[in-house]
Amino acid sequence: MTVSPTVRRRRLAAELRRLRGRAEVTQQQAAVHLGCTQAKIGRFETAKRSPSVGDVSALLDFYRVDGAERDQLINLARDARKRGWWHSYGDVLPEWYETYVGLEAEASSIHTYESEAIPGLLQTREYAHAITKSTLIRAGDSEIDRRVELRMQRQCRVTGDGPLELWAVVGEPALRRSVGGFGVLRRQLEHVLKLVELPHVTLQVMPLDAGAHPAQAGPFVILRYSNHIDPDVVYLETHVGGLYLEREVELSNYVTMMDHLRAHAVDPEGSVQLIRRRIGEL
């Protein structure tokens, strides 16, 4: 599993908030001690900015943190400022999506709903190319190729060492929309059948005749983490940016929604049969 600086930055932010509260110090007092603005402390505590090791050390002095706890936090600050493998794709990776890739890199599980397409972590290269070209209508060939390569690299979280647990509910239209042509779609569905044989990958199909369901507003991703310090997060994507939901009430709503989808979709074994029938039609 990749050690993600994005996840480390969120963990450090949570720890700095906790330690300041334990020391009964305000953000303004911490800012005065550090010789900076209160807004800067706020950015540290919301993971919008990675503090330097020196800043963290000074804050820990002020919060009277020492020993093993201090050493762990200093190491965490160093990890939070490293560059993830995805930074080499910065030419085609918007900042808002860079955050998602960083969160995905260390997630222990992903539960996702996709209504119109096969989820990115399960896509073949040719399917990913076709759907990226159709979605990014102003992108040139080189940008499309780079985006596809990034998606292929991300799939190591499913097919590589220390894989995450992936549970996807996919709308039936994704099995029928001929992205790239019927040949591309057929090979994509055959690829899905191979991946669902992995013990950590589960896929269910939400059939059209299932009627209305709570996720009709659009796709979503729930990312979970094995370390209790790292908060789970819901990710929603649009054409112009991504939205990250972390409040407990928001997370609970989407977890309930995912449970509903899994209960009303075709079970995993039946979904495999559906996909096989669809391959036979192509």
Protein backbone atom coordinates (compact mmCIF):
# COMPACT_ATOMS: atom_id res chain seq x y z
CA MET A 1 0.00 0.00 0.00
CA THR A 2 1.31 3.44 -0.93
CA VAL A 3 2.20 5.80 1.90
CA SER A 4 0.19 8.82 0.81
CA PRO A 5 1.32 12.34 1.76
CA THR A 6 -2.31 13.43 1.27
CA VAL A 7 -3.51 11.05 3.98
CA ARG A 8 -0.55 11.94 6.19
CA ARG A 9 -1.40 15.64 5.84
CA ARG A 10 -4.99 14.98 6.94
CA ARG A 11 -3.76 12.88 9.87
CA LEU A 12 -1.31 15.58 10.93
CA ALA A 13 -4.05 18.21 10.72
CA ALA A 14 -6.29 16.14 13.01
CA GLU A 15 -3.46 15.62 15.49
CA LEU A 16 -2.57 19.32 15.57
CA ARG A 17 -6.22 20.19 16.28
CA ARG A 18 -6.38 17.58 19.04
CA LEU A 19 -3.13 18.65 20.69
CA ARG A 20 -4.03 22.34 20.62
CA GLY A 21 -7.34 21.50 22.28
CA ARG A 22 -5.60 19.37 24.89
CA ALA A 23 -3.23 22.23 25.65
CA GLU A 24 -6.22 24.62 25.89
CA VAL A 25 -4.63 26.99 23.40
CA THR A 26 -6.49 29.07 20.82
CA GLN A 27 -5.52 29.32 17.17
CA GLN A 28 -4.63 32.95 17.74
CA GLN A 29 -2.27 32.06 20.62
CA ALA A 30 -0.63 29.38 18.49
CA ALA A 31 -0.22 31.92 15.68
CA VAL A 32 1.45 34.43 17.99
CA HIS A 33 3.86 31.74 19.20
CA LEU A 34 4.70 30.74 15.62
CA GLY A 35 4.86 34.35 14.40
CA CYS A 36 2.25 33.85 11.69
CA THR A 37 -1.42 34.56 11.03
CA GLN A 38 -4.31 32.68 12.57
CA ALA A 39 -5.38 31.77 9.05
CA LYS A 40 -2.13 29.88 8.57
CA ILE A 41 -2.79 27.79 11.69
CA GLY A 42 -6.28 27.16 10.35
CA ARG A 43 -4.87 25.90 7.05
CA PHE A 44 -2.56 23.54 8.96
CA GLU A 45 -5.51 22.19 10.95
CA THR A 46 -7.74 21.66 7.91
CA ALA A 47 -5.02 19.98 5.80
CA LYS A 48 -5.12 22.78 3.24
CA ARG A 49 -1.40 23.35 3.75
CA SER A 50 1.45 21.11 4.90
CA PRO A 51 3.38 22.74 7.76
CA SER A 52 7.15 22.56 7.68
CA VAL A 53 8.91 20.27 10.14
CA GLY A 54 10.16 23.41 11.88
CA ASP A 55 6.63 24.77 12.29
CA VAL A 56 5.41 21.46 13.69
CA SER A 57 8.34 21.30 16.09
CA ALA A 58 7.60 24.82 17.34
CA LEU A 59 3.91 24.03 17.81
CA LEU A 60 4.73 20.83 19.71
CA ASP A 61 6.98 22.86 22.02
CA PHE A 62 4.09 25.21 22.68
CA TYR A 63 1.67 22.33 23.24
CA ARG A 64 4.21 20.63 25.56
CA VAL A 65 4.43 17.43 23.53
CA ASP A 66 7.58 15.33 23.93
CA GLY A 67 8.89 11.77 23.91
CA ALA A 68 7.65 9.14 21.49
CA GLU A 69 4.52 11.13 20.65
CA ARG A 70 6.65 14.05 19.49
CA ASP A 71 8.92 11.81 17.41
CA GLN A 72 5.89 10.24 15.69
CA LEU A 73 4.45 13.62 14.80
CA ILE A 74 7.75 14.94 13.45
CA ASN A 75 7.99 11.87 11.21
CA LEU A 76 4.38 12.42 10.18
CA ALA A 77 5.21 16.01 9.21
CA ARG A 78 8.09 14.77 7.05
CA ASP A 79 5.84 12.21 5.32
CA ALA A 80 3.15 14.84 4.73
CA ARG A 81 5.59 16.96 2.69
CA LYS A 82 6.81 14.17 0.41
CA ARG A 83 5.66 13.86 -3.17
CA GLY A 84 3.37 11.01 -4.17
CA TRP A 85 3.91 9.05 -7.39
CA TRP A 86 0.97 10.89 -8.95
CA HIS A 87 2.76 14.25 -8.78
CA SER A 88 4.57 13.30 -12.00
CA TYR A 89 1.17 13.67 -13.69
CA GLY A 90 0.77 17.24 -12.50
CA ASP A 91 0.53 18.48 -16.09
CA VAL A 92 -2.86 16.75 -16.49
CA LEU A 93 -3.94 16.36 -12.87
CA PRO A 94 -6.12 19.19 -11.51
CA GLU A 95 -5.43 20.06 -7.87
CA TRP A 96 -8.91 18.99 -6.77
CA TYR A 97 -8.44 15.55 -8.35
CA GLU A 98 -4.88 15.22 -7.06
CA THR A 99 -6.42 15.18 -3.60
CA TYR A 100 -8.65 12.27 -4.57
CA VAL A 101 -5.79 10.22 -6.02
CA GLY A 102 -3.83 10.83 -2.82
CA LEU A 103 -6.76 9.70 -0.68
CA GLU A 104 -7.31 6.62 -2.85
CA ALA A 105 -3.64 5.67 -2.58
CA GLU A 106 -3.92 4.67 1.08
CA ALA A 107 -7.61 3.76 1.44
CA SER A 108 -8.30 0.34 2.91
CA SER A 109 -11.65 0.09 1.12
CA ILE A 110 -13.71 1.86 -1.50
CA HIS A 111 -17.46 1.48 -1.92
CA THR A 112 -18.74 3.20 -5.04
CA TYR A 113 -21.83 3.68 -7.16
CA GLU A 114 -21.54 4.39 -10.90
CA SER A 115 -24.67 4.84 -12.96
CA GLU A 116 -23.37 5.18 -16.53
CA ALA A 117 -19.87 3.71 -16.75
CA ILE A 118 -17.60 0.99 -15.43
CA PRO A 119 -15.64 2.39 -12.43
CA GLY A 120 -12.17 3.68 -13.31
CA LEU A 121 -10.33 1.12 -11.18
CA LEU A 122 -11.91 -1.66 -13.28
CA GLN A 123 -11.49 -0.15 -16.75
CA THR A 124 -9.41 -1.52 -19.61
CA ARG A 125 -7.00 0.86 -21.30
CA GLU A 126 -9.06 1.09 -24.50
CA TYR A 127 -12.31 1.66 -22.60
CA ALA A 128 -10.61 4.32 -20.45
CA HIS A 129 -9.26 6.02 -23.58
CA ALA A 130 -12.67 6.05 -25.26
CA ILE A 131 -14.51 7.40 -22.24
CA THR A 132 -11.82 10.00 -21.49
CA LYS A 133 -11.87 11.23 -25.09
CA SER A 134 -15.66 11.53 -24.99
CA THR A 135 -15.64 13.32 -21.63
CA LEU A 136 -12.76 15.77 -22.19
CA ILE A 137 -13.97 17.18 -25.50
CA ARG A 138 -11.33 19.95 -25.57
CA ALA A 139 -8.35 17.77 -24.64
CA GLY A 140 -5.65 16.88 -27.16
CA ASP A 141 -4.36 13.37 -27.78
CA SER A 142 -1.33 13.77 -25.50
CA GLU A 143 -3.45 14.89 -22.54
CA ILE A 144 -5.89 12.02 -23.08
CA ASP A 145 -3.02 9.54 -23.21
CA ARG A 146 -1.54 10.92 -19.98
CA ARG A 147 -4.90 10.77 -18.21
CA VAL A 148 -5.39 7.18 -19.29
CA GLU A 149 -1.90 6.26 -18.11
CA LEU A 150 -2.66 7.82 -14.72
CA ARG A 151 -5.82 5.72 -14.47
CA MET A 152 -3.87 2.57 -15.30
CA GLN A 153 -1.35 3.41 -12.57
CA ARG A 154 -4.15 3.90 -10.05
CA GLN A 155 -5.37 0.37 -10.73
CA CYS A 156 -2.39 -0.99 -8.77
CA ARG A 157 -4.64 -0.44 -5.74
CA VAL A 158 -6.77 -3.31 -7.05
CA THR A 159 -4.27 -5.57 -8.81
CA GLY A 160 -1.04 -4.87 -6.89
CA ASP A 161 0.30 -5.72 -3.46
CA GLY A 162 -1.77 -4.71 -0.42
CA PRO A 163 -4.94 -4.14 -2.46
CA LEU A 164 -7.91 -2.24 -1.16
CA GLU A 165 -11.35 -3.83 -0.84
CA LEU A 166 -13.51 -2.61 -3.72
CA TRP A 167 -17.30 -2.94 -3.75
CA ALA A 168 -18.99 -1.38 -6.76
CA VAL A 169 -22.67 -1.05 -7.64
CA VAL A 170 -22.97 -0.28 -11.35
CA GLY A 171 -26.07 0.82 -13.20
CA GLU A 172 -27.26 -1.45 -16.02
CA PRO A 173 -26.73 1.35 -18.60
CA ALA A 174 -22.98 0.87 -18.08
CA LEU A 175 -23.35 -2.64 -19.52
CA ARG A 176 -25.20 -1.37 -22.56
CA ARG A 177 -23.54 1.91 -23.50
CA SER A 178 -21.13 1.03 -26.33
CA VAL A 179 -18.19 3.14 -25.16
CA GLY A 180 -15.61 2.87 -27.95
CA GLY A 181 -17.80 0.46 -29.89
CA PHE A 182 -19.20 -2.99 -29.17
CA GLY A 183 -15.79 -4.66 -29.35
CA VAL A 184 -14.33 -2.36 -26.70
CA LEU A 185 -17.36 -2.87 -24.51
CA ARG A 186 -17.21 -6.66 -24.85
CA ARG A 187 -13.54 -6.76 -23.86
CA GLN A 188 -14.28 -4.40 -20.97
CA LEU A 189 -17.00 -6.67 -19.62
CA GLU A 190 -14.75 -9.71 -20.00
CA HIS A 191 -12.12 -7.82 -18.00
CA VAL A 192 -14.64 -7.11 -15.25
CA LEU A 193 -15.45 -10.82 -15.00
CA LYS A 194 -11.77 -11.57 -14.42
CA LEU A 195 -11.42 -8.90 -11.74
CA VAL A 196 -14.48 -9.99 -9.75
CA GLU A 197 -12.77 -13.34 -9.28
CA LEU A 198 -10.36 -11.54 -6.93
CA PRO A 199 -11.43 -12.00 -3.29
CA HIS A 200 -11.31 -8.26 -2.59
CA VAL A 201 -13.44 -7.15 -5.57
CA THR A 202 -17.25 -7.29 -5.57
CA LEU A 203 -19.55 -5.90 -8.25
CA GLN A 204 -23.33 -5.70 -8.36
CA VAL A 205 -25.54 -4.48 -11.18
CA MET A 206 -28.45 -2.16 -10.49
CA PRO A 207 -31.00 -3.20 -13.15
CA LEU A 208 -33.20 -0.69 -14.91
CA ASP A 209 -36.33 -2.44 -13.67
CA ALA A 210 -35.27 -1.93 -10.05
CA GLY A 211 -37.15 1.35 -10.05
CA ALA A 212 -36.23 4.54 -8.21
CA HIS A 213 -33.38 4.50 -5.70
CA PRO A 214 -31.66 7.08 -3.45
CA ALA A 215 -28.53 7.48 -5.60
CA GLN A 216 -30.27 8.82 -8.68
CA ALA A 217 -28.61 12.18 -8.01
CA GLY A 218 -25.36 10.67 -9.32
CA PRO A 219 -22.23 8.61 -8.63
CA PHE A 220 -20.28 8.73 -5.37
CA VAL A 221 -17.28 7.12 -3.71
CA ILE A 222 -16.86 6.23 -0.02
CA LEU A 223 -13.22 5.93 1.01
CA ARG A 224 -12.40 4.21 4.31
CA TYR A 225 -9.14 3.86 6.21
CA SER A 226 -7.79 1.19 8.54
CA ASN A 227 -6.19 3.74 10.89
CA HIS A 228 -8.89 5.19 13.14
CA ILE A 229 -7.11 8.55 13.10
CA ASP A 230 -7.77 8.96 9.38
CA PRO A 231 -11.38 10.07 8.85
CA ASP A 232 -13.44 8.36 6.18
CA VAL A 233 -14.54 10.58 3.32
CA VAL A 234 -17.19 10.71 0.59
CA TYR A 235 -16.12 11.99 -2.81
CA LEU A 236 -18.48 13.51 -5.39
CA GLU A 237 -17.19 14.56 -8.81
CA THR A 238 -18.41 17.07 -11.39
CA HIS A 239 -16.89 18.30 -14.65
CA VAL A 240 -15.40 21.32 -12.88
CA GLY A 241 -14.25 19.94 -9.55
CA GLY A 242 -14.60 17.49 -6.71
CA LEU A 243 -16.47 17.72 -3.43
CA TYR A 244 -15.20 16.01 -0.27
CA LEU A 245 -17.67 15.28 2.54
CA GLU A 246 -16.24 14.40 5.96
CA ARG A 247 -18.87 15.31 8.53
CA GLU A 248 -20.30 12.29 10.34
CA VAL A 249 -23.87 13.06 9.28
CA GLU A 250 -22.81 13.28 5.62
CA LEU A 251 -20.83 10.06 5.76
CA SER A 252 -23.65 8.25 7.54
CA ASN A 253 -26.10 9.33 4.84
CA TYR A 254 -23.97 7.90 2.05
CA VAL A 255 -23.18 4.69 3.94
CA THR A 256 -26.93 4.15 4.36
CA MET A 257 -27.42 4.92 0.67
CA MET A 258 -24.77 2.36 -0.30
CA ASP A 259 -26.38 -0.26 1.94
CA HIS A 260 -29.70 0.41 0.19
CA LEU A 261 -28.13 0.05 -3.24
CA ARG A 262 -26.44 -3.24 -2.34
CA ALA A 263 -29.70 -4.59 -0.95
CA HIS A 264 -31.71 -3.74 -4.08
CA ALA A 265 -29.14 -4.49 -6.78
CA VAL A 266 -28.70 -7.95 -8.28
CA ASP A 267 -26.50 -10.04 -5.98
CA PRO A 268 -22.84 -10.58 -7.02
CA GLU A 269 -23.43 -14.05 -8.52
CA GLY A 270 -26.50 -12.89 -10.42
CA SER A 271 -24.60 -9.84 -11.63
CA VAL A 272 -21.92 -12.08 -13.12
CA GLN A 273 -24.64 -13.93 -15.02
CA LEU A 274 -26.08 -10.62 -16.25
CA ILE A 275 -22.68 -9.55 -17.54
CA ARG A 276 -22.16 -12.90 -19.27
CA ARG A 277 -25.52 -12.58 -21.00
CA ARG A 278 -24.64 -9.09 -22.13
CA ILE A 279 -21.30 -10.31 -23.53
CA GLY A 280 -23.24 -12.94 -25.47
CA GLU A 281 -25.31 -10.19 -27.08
CA LEU A 282 -22.28 -8.27 -28.31
